[in-house]
Amino acid sequence: MATGDRIRAGIEALGIISQAELARRVGMSPQNLQRILIGEVKRSRHFRRIAEELHCSVGWLMSGTGKPPRWWKPEGVEADEDAEHEGAAGVVTSSGESETARLERALARKELENQQLRDEIAKLMQDDRQRQAVMHQLQERIAALEARKSPGPVGPPSSGGAR
């Protein structure tokens, strides 16, 4: 199975709306993601972020080696086989999916949502720090301008005329 196939499987298993949505999340164009999916691109600086979004390791994503993610279901494994391997927890629903697999997919979606919220909070905090830095710079400029405007201590105005 190729890298693109694993990415597509992750998109489907995690309920990501589209390939374009995954591309947006990782900060790349949909066209570049498409090039990865069809195998034109073998290495990309975006693989790390794609792996994060799909809750898997870069090694597994690129080569299929190492521990697969929770949502991964190898080709040819049927729901009955899942139930056989899962023991008592392997209840199979009417859709043919094991309850454990369904719960793992739901958990993976929640983990993804939590990560997206953490990312959003981190971005808001970064934006806030940037705003604070700009405010500090503006306050320093204002203080410098005020210092130029009034060179010495301010005293009472002198009456220049005779009484």
N, C-alpha and C. Protein backbone atom coordinates (compact mmCIF):
# COMPACT_ATOMS: atom_id res chain seq x y z
N MET A 1 0.85 -1.18 0.00
CA MET A 1 0.00 0.00 0.00
C MET A 1 0.89 1.24 0.00
N ALA A 2 0.53 2.22 -0.79
CA ALA A 2 1.32 3.44 -0.95
C ALA A 2 0.94 4.50 0.09
N THR A 3 1.82 5.48 0.21
CA THR A 3 1.59 6.59 1.14
C THR A 3 0.23 7.24 0.89
N GLY A 4 -0.08 7.50 -0.36
CA GLY A 4 -1.35 8.14 -0.70
C GLY A 4 -2.55 7.33 -0.22
N ASP A 5 -2.43 6.00 -0.31
CA ASP A 5 -3.52 5.13 0.16
C ASP A 5 -3.70 5.25 1.67
N ARG A 6 -2.58 5.32 2.40
CA ARG A 6 -2.67 5.47 3.86
C ARG A 6 -3.27 6.82 4.23
N ILE A 7 -2.89 7.87 3.49
CA ILE A 7 -3.46 9.20 3.75
C ILE A 7 -4.96 9.18 3.48
N ARG A 8 -5.37 8.62 2.35
CA ARG A 8 -6.80 8.54 2.03
C ARG A 8 -7.57 7.76 3.10
N ALA A 9 -6.98 6.66 3.57
CA ALA A 9 -7.63 5.86 4.61
C ALA A 9 -7.79 6.67 5.89
N GLY A 10 -6.77 7.46 6.23
CA GLY A 10 -6.85 8.30 7.41
C GLY A 10 -7.92 9.37 7.28
N ILE A 11 -7.99 9.99 6.12
CA ILE A 11 -9.02 11.01 5.87
C ILE A 11 -10.40 10.41 6.10
N GLU A 12 -10.62 9.22 5.54
CA GLU A 12 -11.92 8.57 5.68
C GLU A 12 -12.19 8.13 7.12
N ALA A 13 -11.20 7.48 7.73
CA ALA A 13 -11.40 6.93 9.08
C ALA A 13 -11.62 8.02 10.12
N LEU A 14 -10.97 9.17 9.94
CA LEU A 14 -11.09 10.25 10.93
C LEU A 14 -12.22 11.22 10.60
N GLY A 15 -12.90 10.98 9.50
CA GLY A 15 -14.05 11.82 9.17
C GLY A 15 -13.65 13.22 8.71
N ILE A 16 -12.45 13.36 8.15
CA ILE A 16 -12.03 14.66 7.62
C ILE A 16 -12.86 14.89 6.37
N ILE A 17 -13.43 16.06 6.25
CA ILE A 17 -14.41 16.36 5.22
C ILE A 17 -13.88 16.11 3.81
N SER A 18 -12.63 16.53 3.55
CA SER A 18 -12.10 16.40 2.19
C SER A 18 -10.59 16.46 2.21
N GLN A 19 -10.00 16.12 1.07
CA GLN A 19 -8.57 16.25 0.92
C GLN A 19 -8.17 17.72 1.03
N ALA A 20 -8.99 18.61 0.51
CA ALA A 20 -8.70 20.04 0.59
C ALA A 20 -8.67 20.51 2.05
N GLU A 21 -9.55 19.94 2.88
CA GLU A 21 -9.57 20.29 4.30
C GLU A 21 -8.27 19.83 4.97
N LEU A 22 -7.81 18.63 4.66
CA LEU A 22 -6.54 18.17 5.21
C LEU A 22 -5.41 19.08 4.75
N ALA A 23 -5.40 19.43 3.49
CA ALA A 23 -4.36 20.33 2.96
C ALA A 23 -4.36 21.66 3.71
N ARG A 24 -5.55 22.21 3.95
CA ARG A 24 -5.66 23.48 4.68
C ARG A 24 -5.09 23.33 6.08
N ARG A 25 -5.44 22.22 6.74
CA ARG A 25 -4.99 22.00 8.12
C ARG A 25 -3.48 21.92 8.23
N VAL A 26 -2.83 21.35 7.20
CA VAL A 26 -1.38 21.18 7.28
C VAL A 26 -0.62 22.34 6.63
N GLY A 27 -1.34 23.28 6.04
CA GLY A 27 -0.70 24.46 5.47
C GLY A 27 -0.09 24.23 4.09
N MET A 28 -0.77 23.45 3.28
CA MET A 28 -0.28 23.23 1.93
C MET A 28 -1.44 23.38 0.95
N SER A 29 -1.11 23.48 -0.32
CA SER A 29 -2.17 23.61 -1.33
C SER A 29 -2.78 22.24 -1.60
N PRO A 30 -4.06 22.22 -1.96
CA PRO A 30 -4.69 20.95 -2.33
C PRO A 30 -3.97 20.27 -3.50
N GLN A 31 -3.40 21.08 -4.40
CA GLN A 31 -2.69 20.51 -5.55
C GLN A 31 -1.44 19.74 -5.09
N ASN A 32 -0.72 20.30 -4.11
CA ASN A 32 0.47 19.60 -3.61
C ASN A 32 0.08 18.31 -2.88
N LEU A 33 -1.02 18.36 -2.11
CA LEU A 33 -1.48 17.13 -1.46
C LEU A 33 -1.85 16.10 -2.51
N GLN A 34 -2.51 16.52 -3.56
CA GLN A 34 -2.89 15.60 -4.63
C GLN A 34 -1.66 14.95 -5.25
N ARG A 35 -0.58 15.72 -5.41
CA ARG A 35 0.67 15.17 -5.96
C ARG A 35 1.24 14.10 -5.03
N ILE A 36 1.10 14.30 -3.71
CA ILE A 36 1.54 13.28 -2.76
C ILE A 36 0.66 12.04 -2.88
N LEU A 37 -0.66 12.25 -2.97
CA LEU A 37 -1.61 11.14 -3.02
C LEU A 37 -1.41 10.25 -4.24
N ILE A 38 -1.03 10.84 -5.37
CA ILE A 38 -0.85 10.03 -6.58
C ILE A 38 0.59 9.54 -6.73
N GLY A 39 1.44 9.87 -5.77
CA GLY A 39 2.80 9.34 -5.76
C GLY A 39 3.83 10.15 -6.51
N GLU A 40 3.48 11.34 -6.99
CA GLU A 40 4.46 12.18 -7.69
C GLU A 40 5.50 12.74 -6.72
N VAL A 41 5.10 12.98 -5.48
CA VAL A 41 5.99 13.53 -4.46
C VAL A 41 6.25 12.45 -3.42
N LYS A 42 7.51 12.12 -3.23
CA LYS A 42 7.89 11.07 -2.27
C LYS A 42 8.32 11.66 -0.93
N ARG A 43 8.81 12.88 -0.91
CA ARG A 43 9.24 13.54 0.32
C ARG A 43 8.70 14.97 0.32
N SER A 44 8.25 15.39 1.48
CA SER A 44 7.72 16.75 1.61
C SER A 44 7.89 17.20 3.05
N ARG A 45 8.11 18.50 3.22
CA ARG A 45 8.21 19.04 4.57
C ARG A 45 6.86 18.95 5.28
N HIS A 46 5.81 18.66 4.55
CA HIS A 46 4.46 18.59 5.12
C HIS A 46 4.12 17.22 5.71
N PHE A 47 4.96 16.21 5.48
CA PHE A 47 4.64 14.87 5.98
C PHE A 47 4.46 14.86 7.50
N ARG A 48 5.28 15.63 8.22
CA ARG A 48 5.17 15.64 9.68
C ARG A 48 3.79 16.14 10.10
N ARG A 49 3.32 17.24 9.49
CA ARG A 49 2.01 17.79 9.84
C ARG A 49 0.88 16.86 9.39
N ILE A 50 1.04 16.22 8.24
CA ILE A 50 0.02 15.27 7.78
C ILE A 50 -0.08 14.13 8.79
N ALA A 51 1.07 13.61 9.22
CA ALA A 51 1.08 12.52 10.20
C ALA A 51 0.41 12.98 11.51
N GLU A 52 0.67 14.20 11.95
CA GLU A 52 0.03 14.71 13.16
C GLU A 52 -1.48 14.75 12.99
N GLU A 53 -1.93 15.25 11.86
CA GLU A 53 -3.38 15.34 11.62
C GLU A 53 -4.03 13.96 11.56
N LEU A 54 -3.28 12.98 11.08
CA LEU A 54 -3.83 11.62 10.94
C LEU A 54 -3.50 10.75 12.15
N HIS A 55 -2.89 11.34 13.17
CA HIS A 55 -2.57 10.61 14.42
C HIS A 55 -1.74 9.37 14.16
N CYS A 56 -0.67 9.53 13.39
CA CYS A 56 0.22 8.41 13.11
C CYS A 56 1.65 8.92 13.03
N SER A 57 2.60 7.99 12.97
CA SER A 57 4.00 8.40 12.84
C SER A 57 4.32 8.68 11.38
N VAL A 58 5.35 9.50 11.17
CA VAL A 58 5.79 9.79 9.81
C VAL A 58 6.26 8.50 9.13
N GLY A 59 6.99 7.67 9.90
CA GLY A 59 7.47 6.40 9.34
C GLY A 59 6.34 5.52 8.84
N TRP A 60 5.29 5.41 9.65
CA TRP A 60 4.15 4.58 9.23
C TRP A 60 3.47 5.20 8.02
N LEU A 61 3.31 6.52 8.05
CA LEU A 61 2.63 7.20 6.95
C LEU A 61 3.37 6.98 5.64
N MET A 62 4.70 7.12 5.67
CA MET A 62 5.48 7.05 4.43
C MET A 62 5.72 5.62 3.96
N SER A 63 5.92 4.67 4.91
CA SER A 63 6.32 3.33 4.47
C SER A 63 5.44 2.21 5.01
N GLY A 64 4.54 2.53 5.92
CA GLY A 64 3.69 1.50 6.49
C GLY A 64 4.39 0.67 7.56
N THR A 65 5.59 1.10 7.98
CA THR A 65 6.32 0.35 9.00
C THR A 65 6.09 1.00 10.37
N GLY A 66 6.27 0.20 11.40
CA GLY A 66 6.05 0.71 12.75
C GLY A 66 4.62 0.47 13.19
N LYS A 67 4.29 1.05 14.33
CA LYS A 67 2.96 0.85 14.90
C LYS A 67 1.92 1.65 14.11
N PRO A 68 0.89 0.96 13.62
CA PRO A 68 -0.16 1.68 12.88
C PRO A 68 -1.03 2.50 13.84
N PRO A 69 -1.71 3.52 13.34
CA PRO A 69 -2.60 4.31 14.19
C PRO A 69 -3.82 3.50 14.61
N ARG A 70 -4.53 3.99 15.60
CA ARG A 70 -5.72 3.28 16.12
C ARG A 70 -6.78 3.06 15.05
N TRP A 71 -6.91 4.01 14.15
CA TRP A 71 -7.98 3.92 13.17
C TRP A 71 -7.66 2.96 12.03
N TRP A 72 -6.42 2.51 11.91
CA TRP A 72 -5.99 1.69 10.77
C TRP A 72 -6.65 0.31 10.79
N LYS A 73 -7.20 -0.04 9.68
CA LYS A 73 -7.78 -1.37 9.49
C LYS A 73 -7.17 -1.94 8.21
N PRO A 74 -6.28 -2.91 8.34
CA PRO A 74 -5.62 -3.45 7.15
C PRO A 74 -6.62 -4.04 6.16
N GLU A 75 -6.22 -4.03 4.90
CA GLU A 75 -7.09 -4.60 3.86
C GLU A 75 -7.34 -6.07 4.16
N GLY A 76 -8.55 -6.51 3.90
CA GLY A 76 -8.88 -7.92 4.02
C GLY A 76 -9.34 -8.33 5.41
N VAL A 77 -9.27 -7.43 6.39
CA VAL A 77 -9.72 -7.78 7.74
C VAL A 77 -11.20 -7.42 7.83
N GLU A 78 -12.02 -8.40 8.07
CA GLU A 78 -13.45 -8.20 8.16
C GLU A 78 -13.86 -7.96 9.61
N ALA A 79 -15.07 -7.50 9.80
CA ALA A 79 -15.58 -7.21 11.15
C ALA A 79 -15.54 -8.45 12.03
N ASP A 80 -15.85 -9.64 11.47
CA ASP A 80 -15.83 -10.86 12.27
C ASP A 80 -14.43 -11.17 12.77
N GLU A 81 -13.42 -10.90 11.93
CA GLU A 81 -12.05 -11.12 12.36
C GLU A 81 -11.70 -10.15 13.47
N ASP A 82 -12.19 -8.91 13.38
CA ASP A 82 -11.97 -7.93 14.44
C ASP A 82 -12.53 -8.48 15.74
N ALA A 83 -13.74 -8.98 15.69
CA ALA A 83 -14.40 -9.47 16.90
C ALA A 83 -13.63 -10.65 17.48
N GLU A 84 -13.12 -11.49 16.60
CA GLU A 84 -12.36 -12.65 17.05
C GLU A 84 -11.09 -12.23 17.79
N HIS A 85 -10.43 -11.18 17.30
CA HIS A 85 -9.20 -10.71 17.93
C HIS A 85 -9.47 -9.86 19.16
N GLU A 86 -10.64 -9.31 19.30
CA GLU A 86 -10.92 -8.39 20.39
C GLU A 86 -11.56 -9.05 21.59
N GLY A 87 -11.92 -10.32 21.49
CA GLY A 87 -12.49 -11.02 22.62
C GLY A 87 -13.84 -10.46 23.00
N ALA A 88 -14.07 -10.30 24.31
CA ALA A 88 -15.37 -9.87 24.81
C ALA A 88 -15.74 -8.48 24.33
N ALA A 89 -14.73 -7.63 24.07
CA ALA A 89 -15.03 -6.27 23.64
C ALA A 89 -15.41 -6.22 22.16
N GLY A 90 -15.34 -7.35 21.46
CA GLY A 90 -15.54 -7.36 20.02
C GLY A 90 -16.98 -7.45 19.58
N VAL A 91 -17.88 -6.76 20.20
CA VAL A 91 -19.28 -6.76 19.80
C VAL A 91 -19.38 -6.15 18.42
N VAL A 92 -20.09 -6.81 17.52
CA VAL A 92 -20.23 -6.32 16.16
C VAL A 92 -21.60 -5.69 16.01
N THR A 93 -21.62 -4.47 15.51
CA THR A 93 -22.88 -3.76 15.34
C THR A 93 -23.57 -4.23 14.07
N SER A 94 -24.79 -3.76 13.85
CA SER A 94 -25.55 -4.17 12.68
C SER A 94 -24.89 -3.70 11.39
N SER A 95 -24.04 -2.68 11.46
CA SER A 95 -23.36 -2.21 10.25
C SER A 95 -22.16 -3.09 9.91
N GLY A 96 -21.85 -4.08 10.76
CA GLY A 96 -20.73 -4.95 10.50
C GLY A 96 -19.43 -4.46 11.11
N GLU A 97 -19.51 -3.37 11.84
CA GLU A 97 -18.32 -2.78 12.45
C GLU A 97 -18.26 -3.16 13.92
N SER A 98 -17.09 -3.50 14.41
CA SER A 98 -17.00 -3.85 15.82
C SER A 98 -17.20 -2.60 16.67
N GLU A 99 -17.77 -2.79 17.83
CA GLU A 99 -18.02 -1.68 18.74
C GLU A 99 -16.70 -1.02 19.13
N THR A 100 -15.67 -1.83 19.33
CA THR A 100 -14.37 -1.28 19.68
C THR A 100 -13.84 -0.39 18.57
N ALA A 101 -13.97 -0.85 17.32
CA ALA A 101 -13.50 -0.04 16.19
C ALA A 101 -14.28 1.26 16.10
N ARG A 102 -15.60 1.17 16.32
CA ARG A 102 -16.42 2.38 16.27
C ARG A 102 -16.00 3.36 17.35
N LEU A 103 -15.78 2.84 18.57
CA LEU A 103 -15.37 3.71 19.67
C LEU A 103 -13.98 4.29 19.44
N GLU A 104 -13.08 3.49 18.86
CA GLU A 104 -11.74 4.00 18.56
C GLU A 104 -11.80 5.11 17.52
N ARG A 105 -12.66 4.95 16.51
CA ARG A 105 -12.82 6.02 15.52
C ARG A 105 -13.39 7.27 16.15
N ALA A 106 -14.38 7.11 17.04
CA ALA A 106 -14.97 8.27 17.73
C ALA A 106 -13.91 8.94 18.60
N LEU A 107 -13.10 8.14 19.29
CA LEU A 107 -12.03 8.69 20.12
C LEU A 107 -11.02 9.44 19.26
N ALA A 108 -10.66 8.88 18.12
CA ALA A 108 -9.70 9.54 17.23
C ALA A 108 -10.26 10.88 16.74
N ARG A 109 -11.57 10.91 16.43
CA ARG A 109 -12.19 12.18 16.00
C ARG A 109 -12.13 13.20 17.13
N LYS A 110 -12.42 12.76 18.36
CA LYS A 110 -12.39 13.68 19.51
C LYS A 110 -10.97 14.17 19.77
N GLU A 111 -9.99 13.26 19.63
CA GLU A 111 -8.60 13.67 19.80
C GLU A 111 -8.22 14.71 18.76
N LEU A 112 -8.70 14.51 17.53
CA LEU A 112 -8.44 15.46 16.46
C LEU A 112 -9.08 16.80 16.79
N GLU A 113 -10.33 16.78 17.24
CA GLU A 113 -11.00 18.03 17.61
C GLU A 113 -10.25 18.73 18.74
N ASN A 114 -9.80 17.96 19.73
CA ASN A 114 -9.05 18.54 20.84
C ASN A 114 -7.75 19.17 20.34
N GLN A 115 -7.07 18.48 19.42
CA GLN A 115 -5.82 19.03 18.89
C GLN A 115 -6.10 20.31 18.11
N GLN A 116 -7.18 20.33 17.36
CA GLN A 116 -7.53 21.54 16.62
C GLN A 116 -7.81 22.69 17.58
N LEU A 117 -8.51 22.41 18.68
CA LEU A 117 -8.77 23.45 19.67
C LEU A 117 -7.47 23.92 20.31
N ARG A 118 -6.57 22.98 20.65
CA ARG A 118 -5.28 23.38 21.22
C ARG A 118 -4.51 24.25 20.23
N ASP A 119 -4.53 23.88 18.95
CA ASP A 119 -3.84 24.67 17.93
C ASP A 119 -4.45 26.07 17.84
N GLU A 120 -5.78 26.14 17.89
CA GLU A 120 -6.45 27.43 17.81
C GLU A 120 -6.11 28.30 19.03
N ILE A 121 -6.08 27.70 20.21
CA ILE A 121 -5.73 28.44 21.43
C ILE A 121 -4.29 28.94 21.33
N ALA A 122 -3.38 28.08 20.85
CA ALA A 122 -1.98 28.48 20.70
C ALA A 122 -1.86 29.65 19.74
N LYS A 123 -2.62 29.62 18.65
CA LYS A 123 -2.58 30.72 17.68
C LYS A 123 -3.12 32.00 18.30
N LEU A 124 -4.22 31.89 19.04
CA LEU A 124 -4.77 33.08 19.70
C LEU A 124 -3.79 33.65 20.71
N MET A 125 -3.11 32.78 21.43
CA MET A 125 -2.12 33.25 22.41
C MET A 125 -0.95 33.92 21.70
N GLN A 126 -0.53 33.36 20.56
CA GLN A 126 0.55 33.98 19.78
C GLN A 126 0.10 35.34 19.26
N ASP A 127 -1.12 35.42 18.74
CA ASP A 127 -1.65 36.69 18.27
C ASP A 127 -1.68 37.71 19.40
N ASP A 128 -2.09 37.27 20.59
CA ASP A 128 -2.15 38.17 21.74
C ASP A 128 -0.75 38.67 22.10
N ARG A 129 0.24 37.78 22.08
CA ARG A 129 1.62 38.19 22.38
C ARG A 129 2.10 39.21 21.35
N GLN A 130 1.76 38.99 20.09
CA GLN A 130 2.15 39.94 19.04
C GLN A 130 1.49 41.29 19.26
N ARG A 131 0.20 41.27 19.62
CA ARG A 131 -0.50 42.54 19.89
C ARG A 131 0.14 43.27 21.08
N GLN A 132 0.50 42.52 22.11
CA GLN A 132 1.14 43.13 23.27
C GLN A 132 2.48 43.74 22.90
N ALA A 133 3.25 43.06 22.05
CA ALA A 133 4.54 43.59 21.61
C ALA A 133 4.35 44.87 20.81
N VAL A 134 3.36 44.91 19.94
CA VAL A 134 3.08 46.11 19.15
C VAL A 134 2.65 47.25 20.08
N MET A 135 1.80 46.95 21.05
CA MET A 135 1.37 47.98 22.01
C MET A 135 2.56 48.55 22.76
N HIS A 136 3.47 47.68 23.17
CA HIS A 136 4.66 48.13 23.89
C HIS A 136 5.51 49.05 23.01
N GLN A 137 5.69 48.67 21.73
CA GLN A 137 6.45 49.51 20.80
C GLN A 137 5.77 50.87 20.62
N LEU A 138 4.45 50.86 20.49
CA LEU A 138 3.73 52.12 20.32
C LEU A 138 3.86 53.00 21.56
N GLN A 139 3.78 52.40 22.74
CA GLN A 139 3.94 53.17 23.97
C GLN A 139 5.33 53.78 24.05
N GLU A 140 6.36 53.03 23.63
CA GLU A 140 7.72 53.56 23.63
C GLU A 140 7.84 54.72 22.65
N ARG A 141 7.24 54.61 21.48
CA ARG A 141 7.29 55.70 20.49
C ARG A 141 6.59 56.95 21.02
N ILE A 142 5.42 56.73 21.64
CA ILE A 142 4.68 57.87 22.20
C ILE A 142 5.53 58.55 23.27
N ALA A 143 6.16 57.79 24.15
CA ALA A 143 7.00 58.36 25.20
C ALA A 143 8.17 59.13 24.59
N ALA A 144 8.77 58.58 23.52
CA ALA A 144 9.88 59.27 22.87
C ALA A 144 9.41 60.57 22.23
N LEU A 145 8.26 60.56 21.61
CA LEU A 145 7.71 61.79 21.00
C LEU A 145 7.39 62.83 22.06
N GLU A 146 6.82 62.41 23.16
CA GLU A 146 6.49 63.34 24.24
C GLU A 146 7.76 63.92 24.86
N ALA A 147 8.83 63.11 24.94
CA ALA A 147 10.09 63.59 25.49
C ALA A 147 10.70 64.65 24.58
N ARG A 148 10.57 64.50 23.28
CA ARG A 148 11.08 65.51 22.33
C ARG A 148 10.28 66.80 22.41
N LYS A 149 9.00 66.66 22.63
CA LYS A 149 8.10 67.81 22.65
C LYS A 149 8.35 68.69 23.88
N SER A 150 8.63 68.11 25.01
CA SER A 150 8.85 68.90 26.23
C SER A 150 10.25 68.59 26.77
N PRO A 151 11.25 69.44 26.42
CA PRO A 151 12.63 69.16 26.77
C PRO A 151 12.95 69.26 28.27
N GLY A 152 12.21 70.05 29.01
CA GLY A 152 12.52 70.19 30.42
C GLY A 152 11.29 70.09 31.26
N PRO A 153 11.46 70.28 32.58
CA PRO A 153 10.29 70.23 33.44
C PRO A 153 9.33 71.35 33.10
N VAL A 154 8.11 71.05 33.24
CA VAL A 154 7.08 72.03 32.92
C VAL A 154 6.80 72.86 34.16
N GLY A 155 6.94 74.18 34.03
CA GLY A 155 6.66 75.07 35.14
C GLY A 155 5.49 75.97 34.79
N PRO A 156 5.17 76.89 35.69
CA PRO A 156 4.07 77.80 35.37
C PRO A 156 4.44 78.70 34.21
N PRO A 157 3.50 79.04 33.40
CA PRO A 157 3.81 79.93 32.27
C PRO A 157 4.28 81.29 32.78
N SER A 158 5.29 81.80 32.10
CA SER A 158 5.78 83.12 32.52
C SER A 158 4.95 84.20 31.85
N SER A 159 4.76 85.25 32.60
CA SER A 159 4.05 86.38 32.00
C SER A 159 5.09 87.32 31.45
N GLY A 160 5.20 87.38 30.22
CA GLY A 160 6.25 88.13 29.54
C GLY A 160 6.07 89.63 29.60
N GLY A 161 4.95 90.12 30.01
CA GLY A 161 4.72 91.57 29.99
C GLY A 161 4.93 92.21 31.36
N ALA A 162 5.03 93.54 31.42
CA ALA A 162 5.19 94.28 32.69
C ALA A 162 3.84 94.48 33.30
N ARG A 163 3.90 94.63 34.63
CA ARG A 163 2.64 94.82 35.33
C ARG A 163 2.32 96.24 35.48
